[in-house]
Amino acid sequence: MSRISKIISRRGHRGAGSSRATVKGEGLAALLFLLPSIAGILIFFLIPFADTVRRSFFDARGRNFIALEGYASVLGNDAFKLAAGNTAKFTVVCIPLLLVISLVIALLVRSVRPRGKAFKTTYLLPMAVPVASIVLLWQVMFNNHGLLNTILTSLGAQPVDFMGSSAAFWVLVFTYLWKNSGYDMILWLAGLDSISESLYEAARVDGANAWQCFRFITLPSLLPTLGLVAILSLLNGFKVFREAYLVAGAYPHDSIYLLQHLFNNWFQNLDISRLCAAATMLCLVLLAVILLLQRFLSKAD
């Protein structure tokens, strides 16, 4: 019996050793497959960002160390205060609206299955529209002699200077919601599909109505998806600069003068020190917001 047990133990050790070797080989293969992506992120993102942080402590030529003078100059700049305030306002207004609107659309599309596939395609169409076409649409809709002002004039109302007044902010909000609702809808649908139908069946057997099912089953189950959608919506909010820049130029109305406009103008003026300092602060703020959001969602879960 002792000889047999020794043989079994030897085979067990050999099997464990071979399994460890297999896991190690699979890990090495996975690393080799990921190596191009890791190299690309390192070369095109991490190293340039590290250099941006370094240059924020030096002058425009990158030679003389100026410590925190660049950060103090940014915080005391009136244009930065205006752009930061507009960007924060745009984010606070747009992100909750986008989350709610896209979730409602996802629930409506899911409720009309299988006919909802056509609606999916319809809501995703704005993502396929080139930026230049969106600019043309803006000019047709919101120009001083555009479609909306023509309708207002025919109704006896005064025309509105949409892009030359505070109304430009709401035009930008509308464009952001119109362009990103379909993308967020797809993310919500993926989260909804991951919820087991048996939970709803058990709740209905216990007498739960549609609102109770949504409140006690759907919403708690969508918390991980909520974090992903919120973060991606926040990052996509900075892409709306393209439309604003092409329509109103580098110096639009004060209500839509965003941080991207400011960064672009500083870059054209070669104000590298302030640009790097402001970019570093923006990155830290975004990182803090994302970490707080993740912590809040983890506690809620």
Protein backbone atom coordinates (compact mmCIF):
# COMPACT_ATOMS: atom_id res chain seq x y z
CA MET A 1 0.00 0.00 0.00
CA SER A 2 2.83 2.38 0.78
CA ARG A 3 4.37 1.77 -2.67
CA ILE A 4 1.08 2.47 -4.38
CA SER A 5 0.58 5.67 -2.41
CA LYS A 6 4.08 6.82 -3.40
CA ILE A 7 3.34 6.16 -7.07
CA ILE A 8 0.06 8.11 -6.83
CA SER A 9 1.77 11.02 -5.07
CA ARG A 10 4.49 11.12 -7.74
CA ARG A 11 1.88 11.19 -10.50
CA GLY A 12 0.03 13.93 -8.61
CA HIS A 13 3.18 16.03 -8.38
CA ARG A 14 3.87 15.46 -12.08
CA GLY A 15 0.28 16.47 -12.93
CA ALA A 16 0.49 19.58 -10.80
CA GLY A 17 3.81 20.48 -12.36
CA SER A 18 2.46 20.04 -15.89
CA SER A 19 -0.63 22.12 -15.05
CA ARG A 20 1.56 24.91 -13.69
CA ALA A 21 3.68 24.75 -16.83
CA THR A 22 0.53 24.93 -18.95
CA VAL A 23 -0.75 27.97 -17.05
CA LYS A 24 2.66 29.62 -17.35
CA GLY A 25 2.75 28.95 -21.09
CA GLU A 26 -0.74 30.36 -21.54
CA GLY A 27 0.22 33.45 -19.56
CA LEU A 28 3.29 33.97 -21.74
CA ALA A 29 1.21 33.56 -24.91
CA ALA A 30 -1.36 36.06 -23.63
CA LEU A 31 1.43 38.53 -22.83
CA LEU A 32 2.84 38.20 -26.35
CA PHE A 33 -0.58 38.89 -27.84
CA LEU A 34 -1.04 41.94 -25.60
CA LEU A 35 2.45 43.26 -26.21
CA PRO A 36 1.58 45.36 -29.32
CA SER A 37 -1.32 47.02 -27.48
CA ILE A 38 0.79 47.64 -24.38
CA ALA A 39 3.58 49.10 -26.53
CA GLY A 40 1.11 51.35 -28.33
CA ILE A 41 -0.40 52.65 -25.08
CA LEU A 42 3.08 53.23 -23.65
CA ILE A 43 4.43 55.04 -26.70
CA PHE A 44 1.41 57.09 -27.70
CA PHE A 45 -0.24 57.78 -24.31
CA LEU A 46 1.78 57.17 -21.16
CA ILE A 47 5.14 58.57 -22.28
CA PRO A 48 3.61 61.73 -23.85
CA PHE A 49 1.49 62.27 -20.73
CA ALA A 50 4.55 61.91 -18.49
CA ASP A 51 6.32 64.49 -20.65
CA THR A 52 3.27 66.78 -20.36
CA VAL A 53 3.45 66.60 -16.57
CA ARG A 54 7.18 67.31 -16.69
CA ARG A 55 6.78 70.31 -19.00
CA SER A 56 4.12 71.80 -16.71
CA PHE A 57 6.95 72.62 -14.28
CA PHE A 58 9.17 74.25 -16.93
CA ASP A 59 8.93 77.27 -19.20
CA ALA A 60 7.70 77.15 -22.79
CA ARG A 61 11.10 76.02 -24.07
CA GLY A 62 11.30 73.28 -21.46
CA ARG A 63 14.62 74.44 -20.04
CA ASN A 64 14.05 76.66 -17.02
CA PHE A 65 12.33 75.17 -13.97
CA ILE A 66 9.43 77.40 -12.86
CA ALA A 67 7.90 75.09 -10.19
CA LEU A 68 4.18 75.89 -9.73
CA GLU A 69 4.15 79.21 -11.59
CA GLY A 70 2.38 77.62 -14.56
CA TYR A 71 -0.38 76.25 -12.34
CA ALA A 72 -0.80 79.60 -10.57
CA SER A 73 -1.00 81.34 -13.95
CA VAL A 74 -3.69 78.94 -15.11
CA LEU A 75 -5.81 79.29 -11.97
CA GLY A 76 -5.62 83.08 -12.17
CA ASN A 77 -6.54 83.23 -15.86
CA ASP A 78 -10.03 84.59 -16.60
CA ALA A 79 -10.34 82.59 -19.82
CA PHE A 80 -9.58 79.40 -17.90
CA LYS A 81 -12.22 80.22 -15.29
CA LEU A 82 -14.82 80.82 -18.02
CA ALA A 83 -13.91 77.65 -19.93
CA ALA A 84 -13.76 75.48 -16.79
CA GLY A 85 -17.13 76.80 -15.60
CA ASN A 86 -18.77 76.16 -18.97
CA THR A 87 -17.27 72.68 -19.17
CA ALA A 88 -18.47 71.81 -15.66
CA LYS A 89 -21.94 73.18 -16.43
CA PHE A 90 -22.10 71.25 -19.68
CA THR A 91 -21.07 68.02 -17.90
CA VAL A 92 -23.52 68.45 -15.01
CA VAL A 93 -26.41 69.13 -17.38
CA CYS A 94 -25.64 66.60 -20.12
CA ILE A 95 -24.49 63.47 -18.31
CA PRO A 96 -27.66 62.94 -16.17
CA LEU A 97 -29.89 63.80 -19.13
CA LEU A 98 -28.03 61.40 -21.39
CA LEU A 99 -28.15 58.57 -18.85
CA VAL A 100 -31.88 58.94 -18.32
CA ILE A 101 -32.81 59.43 -21.98
CA SER A 102 -30.67 56.53 -23.22
CA LEU A 103 -32.01 54.21 -20.48
CA VAL A 104 -35.61 55.10 -21.37
CA ILE A 105 -34.89 54.44 -25.05
CA ALA A 106 -33.26 51.10 -24.19
CA LEU A 107 -36.28 50.04 -22.13
CA LEU A 108 -38.67 51.03 -24.94
CA VAL A 109 -36.61 49.22 -27.58
CA ARG A 110 -36.44 46.11 -25.39
CA SER A 111 -40.19 46.18 -24.80
CA VAL A 112 -40.99 45.90 -28.54
CA ARG A 113 -38.78 42.91 -29.31
CA PRO A 114 -38.12 41.52 -31.89
CA ARG A 115 -39.17 44.63 -33.80
CA GLY A 116 -36.74 46.70 -31.74
CA LYS A 117 -33.82 45.89 -34.07
CA ALA A 118 -34.99 48.57 -36.51
CA PHE A 119 -35.07 51.13 -33.69
CA LYS A 120 -31.52 50.17 -32.67
CA THR A 121 -30.26 51.03 -36.13
CA THR A 122 -32.22 54.27 -36.20
CA TYR A 123 -30.79 55.53 -32.92
CA LEU A 124 -27.25 54.58 -33.95
CA LEU A 125 -27.40 56.56 -37.19
CA PRO A 126 -26.16 59.85 -35.61
CA MET A 127 -22.87 58.12 -34.77
CA ALA A 128 -22.33 57.35 -38.47
CA VAL A 129 -22.93 60.95 -39.56
CA PRO A 130 -19.63 62.75 -40.27
CA VAL A 131 -18.83 65.87 -38.26
CA ALA A 132 -18.88 68.01 -41.40
CA SER A 133 -22.45 66.89 -42.09
CA ILE A 134 -23.47 67.77 -38.55
CA VAL A 135 -22.03 71.24 -39.03
CA LEU A 136 -24.07 71.62 -42.21
CA LEU A 137 -27.16 70.48 -40.27
CA TRP A 138 -26.45 73.10 -37.59
CA GLN A 139 -26.23 75.82 -40.20
CA VAL A 140 -29.50 74.75 -41.81
CA MET A 141 -31.32 74.48 -38.48
CA PHE A 142 -29.86 77.22 -36.27
CA ASN A 143 -28.59 79.90 -38.64
CA ASN A 144 -30.08 83.40 -38.40
CA HIS A 145 -31.99 82.59 -41.58
CA GLY A 146 -32.24 78.87 -40.88
CA LEU A 147 -35.20 76.55 -40.57
CA LEU A 148 -36.05 77.27 -36.92
CA ASN A 149 -35.94 81.04 -37.37
CA THR A 150 -38.06 80.74 -40.49
CA ILE A 151 -40.69 78.86 -38.48
CA LEU A 152 -40.52 81.40 -35.63
CA THR A 153 -40.92 84.28 -38.09
CA SER A 154 -43.90 82.64 -39.77
CA LEU A 155 -45.55 82.30 -36.34
CA GLY A 156 -45.04 86.00 -35.64
CA ALA A 157 -42.19 85.55 -33.14
CA GLN A 158 -38.83 87.26 -33.18
CA PRO A 159 -35.91 85.29 -34.69
CA VAL A 160 -33.31 83.97 -32.25
CA ASP A 161 -29.56 84.26 -32.73
CA PHE A 162 -28.92 80.67 -31.66
CA MET A 163 -25.15 80.65 -32.09
CA GLY A 164 -24.54 84.24 -31.00
CA SER A 165 -26.42 84.16 -27.68
CA SER A 166 -26.75 81.98 -24.60
CA ALA A 167 -29.01 79.70 -26.67
CA ALA A 168 -25.79 78.29 -28.17
CA PHE A 169 -25.26 76.30 -24.97
CA TRP A 170 -28.57 74.46 -25.39
CA VAL A 171 -27.84 73.85 -29.06
CA LEU A 172 -24.61 72.17 -27.96
CA VAL A 173 -26.48 70.13 -25.33
CA PHE A 174 -29.03 69.02 -27.93
CA THR A 175 -26.26 67.96 -30.31
CA TYR A 176 -24.48 65.96 -27.63
CA LEU A 177 -27.66 64.14 -26.59
CA TRP A 178 -28.68 63.47 -30.17
CA LYS A 179 -25.30 62.05 -31.12
CA ASN A 180 -24.62 59.88 -28.04
CA SER A 181 -28.05 58.54 -27.02
CA GLY A 182 -27.84 55.59 -29.42
CA TYR A 183 -24.40 54.54 -28.23
CA ASP A 184 -25.43 54.58 -24.58
CA MET A 185 -28.64 52.77 -25.48
CA ILE A 186 -26.59 49.81 -26.77
CA LEU A 187 -24.64 49.69 -23.49
CA TRP A 188 -27.86 49.74 -21.46
CA LEU A 189 -29.32 46.97 -23.62
CA ALA A 190 -26.27 44.81 -22.91
CA GLY A 191 -26.80 45.36 -19.19
CA LEU A 192 -30.51 44.58 -19.46
CA ASP A 193 -29.82 41.35 -21.35
CA SER A 194 -27.56 40.17 -18.52
CA ILE A 195 -30.46 40.21 -16.02
CA SER A 196 -32.02 36.78 -15.59
CA GLU A 197 -35.66 36.60 -16.68
CA SER A 198 -36.36 34.22 -13.78
CA LEU A 199 -36.03 37.14 -11.36
CA TYR A 200 -38.89 38.97 -13.06
CA GLU A 201 -41.00 35.82 -13.21
CA ALA A 202 -40.54 35.20 -9.47
CA ALA A 203 -41.38 38.84 -8.71
CA ARG A 204 -44.56 38.70 -10.80
CA VAL A 205 -45.63 35.53 -9.03
CA ASP A 206 -45.25 37.40 -5.73
CA GLY A 207 -47.49 40.18 -7.07
CA ALA A 208 -44.91 42.81 -8.06
CA ASN A 209 -46.00 45.33 -10.70
CA ALA A 210 -43.86 46.78 -13.50
CA TRP A 211 -42.57 49.71 -11.41
CA GLN A 212 -41.59 47.46 -8.52
CA CYS A 213 -39.76 45.11 -10.89
CA PHE A 214 -37.88 48.07 -12.34
CA ARG A 215 -37.04 49.56 -8.96
CA PHE A 216 -36.00 46.43 -7.07
CA ILE A 217 -34.60 44.24 -9.87
CA THR A 218 -33.63 46.28 -12.94
CA LEU A 219 -32.00 49.30 -11.30
CA PRO A 220 -29.84 47.38 -8.77
CA SER A 221 -28.73 44.96 -11.49
CA LEU A 222 -27.73 47.85 -13.77
CA LEU A 223 -25.30 49.47 -11.32
CA PRO A 224 -22.17 48.01 -12.98
CA THR A 225 -23.48 49.14 -16.37
CA LEU A 226 -24.26 52.57 -14.92
CA GLY A 227 -20.62 53.08 -13.97
CA LEU A 228 -19.40 52.14 -17.45
CA VAL A 229 -22.00 54.28 -19.24
CA ALA A 230 -21.35 57.28 -16.98
CA ILE A 231 -17.57 57.15 -17.50
CA LEU A 232 -17.83 56.76 -21.28
CA SER A 233 -20.42 59.55 -21.45
CA LEU A 234 -18.12 61.81 -19.46
CA LEU A 235 -15.22 61.15 -21.82
CA ASN A 236 -17.41 61.53 -24.92
CA GLY A 237 -18.52 64.92 -23.63
CA PHE A 238 -15.12 66.33 -24.54
CA LYS A 239 -15.58 65.32 -28.19
CA VAL A 240 -18.37 67.84 -28.74
CA PHE A 241 -15.65 70.46 -29.24
CA ARG A 242 -15.34 69.43 -32.88
CA GLU A 243 -18.83 70.58 -33.78
CA ALA A 244 -18.59 73.76 -31.72
CA TYR A 245 -15.25 74.67 -33.27
CA LEU A 246 -16.33 74.06 -36.87
CA VAL A 247 -19.51 76.09 -36.47
CA ALA A 248 -18.40 78.99 -34.26
CA GLY A 249 -14.61 78.99 -34.65
CA ALA A 250 -11.88 79.31 -32.03
CA TYR A 251 -13.70 82.09 -30.15
CA PRO A 252 -17.41 81.21 -29.98
CA HIS A 253 -20.04 82.75 -27.73
CA ASP A 254 -19.03 82.80 -24.07
CA SER A 255 -21.66 80.19 -23.15
CA ILE A 256 -19.94 77.48 -25.25
CA TYR A 257 -16.32 78.51 -24.75
CA LEU A 258 -15.05 75.18 -23.38
CA LEU A 259 -11.69 73.97 -22.10
CA GLN A 260 -11.00 72.45 -25.50
CA HIS A 261 -11.27 75.89 -27.10
CA LEU A 262 -8.86 77.28 -24.52
CA PHE A 263 -6.35 74.47 -24.99
CA ASN A 264 -6.51 74.87 -28.75
CA ASN A 265 -5.88 78.61 -28.52
CA TRP A 266 -2.99 78.18 -26.09
CA PHE A 267 -1.46 75.58 -28.40
CA GLN A 268 -1.68 77.93 -31.38
CA ASN A 269 -0.02 80.64 -29.30
CA LEU A 270 2.69 78.16 -28.16
CA ASP A 271 1.81 78.78 -24.51
CA ILE A 272 3.06 75.29 -23.71
CA SER A 273 3.68 75.74 -20.00
CA ARG A 274 0.13 76.81 -19.17
CA LEU A 275 -1.30 74.26 -21.60
CA CYS A 276 0.56 71.40 -19.91
CA ALA A 277 -0.39 72.62 -16.44
CA ALA A 278 -4.08 72.91 -17.36
CA ALA A 279 -4.07 69.50 -19.06
CA THR A 280 -2.49 67.90 -15.99
CA MET A 281 -5.10 69.45 -13.70
CA LEU A 282 -7.92 68.33 -15.98
CA CYS A 283 -6.57 64.78 -15.99
CA LEU A 284 -6.38 64.74 -12.18
CA VAL A 285 -9.95 66.07 -11.87
CA LEU A 286 -11.28 63.45 -14.28
CA LEU A 287 -9.40 60.71 -12.45
CA ALA A 288 -10.83 61.87 -9.11
CA VAL A 289 -14.38 61.97 -10.52
CA ILE A 290 -14.04 58.45 -11.98
CA LEU A 291 -12.63 57.04 -8.72
CA LEU A 292 -15.39 58.67 -6.67
CA LEU A 293 -18.01 57.32 -9.05
CA GLN A 294 -16.58 53.81 -8.82
CA ARG A 295 -16.44 53.99 -5.04
CA PHE A 296 -20.03 55.22 -4.82
CA LEU A 297 -21.28 52.47 -7.11
CA SER A 298 -19.30 49.79 -5.24
CA LYS A 299 -20.91 50.90 -1.97
CA ALA A 300 -24.35 50.97 -3.55
CA ASP A 301 -23.80 47.48 -4.90
